[in-house]
Amino acid sequence: MAEMTIRAATLADLDLVHRELTDVIHSSPHYSDHFKQYEAGRLNKTFLKGLMSIDPWHIMLMCADGVPGGAMVSGPELGAIFRYWSWVFPSHRQSKLALFGMREFDAHWDNTRFHKAYTFVRPENDVARMLLKRYGYTETVLLKQHIFGQDYLLIEKFYTRTDAPYDSGYVGRLGQLKKRLKTLVGG
């Protein structure tokens, strides 16, 4: 059995993650062509670099025997962590990386920075729904015609959060300024 590990992505992983992410977006049977075009355009390398500059763990790589076999892309959203995409690469689809990744994602992020994790799932995506339910996520509401006219389920899991500052996760120009200031003051 392969040894499974998880790690934060590095800039050296960016081409692999972007290529596999673009592939899973375009090959998924659950989304409209309009959504696929939009999502693949939005989650470009610049967007992914921005997430990594906030925290490299926003792109987690699931590995089997040290070889990346899946990824999870997330970002801070108003005090919660939004899971943009979570998938296993075609080369590792027969492994247990998805189950391993679910556990590790929650173990890493349930650390008082966020009050919950959440994602959107298409109602007919039974595999994702089952996996999320197995790890304690709840289907909160069906959002009718939510994204480009398609229905989505809001699925969430509440985390343990003490009275600590929220992770604001600055992106764009504000994120660049924050990063530059942090470098200047030695942080």
Foldseek 3Di string as FASTA:
>chain_A
DFDKDKDFDDPVCLVVVLVQVLVCLVPDPQDDPVVSVVVNVVPHSQVLVLQVLLPSNQWMFIDTNNHGFWIWHWADDPQAIETEDTDGGPVCVVDCSSLVVLVVVCVVPLPQQHFKYKYKDAPVPVVVVVSLVVSAKDFDDWDQLPDVRGIITIIMHGHDHDPDYHRPSDGDPVSVVVSVVCVVVVD
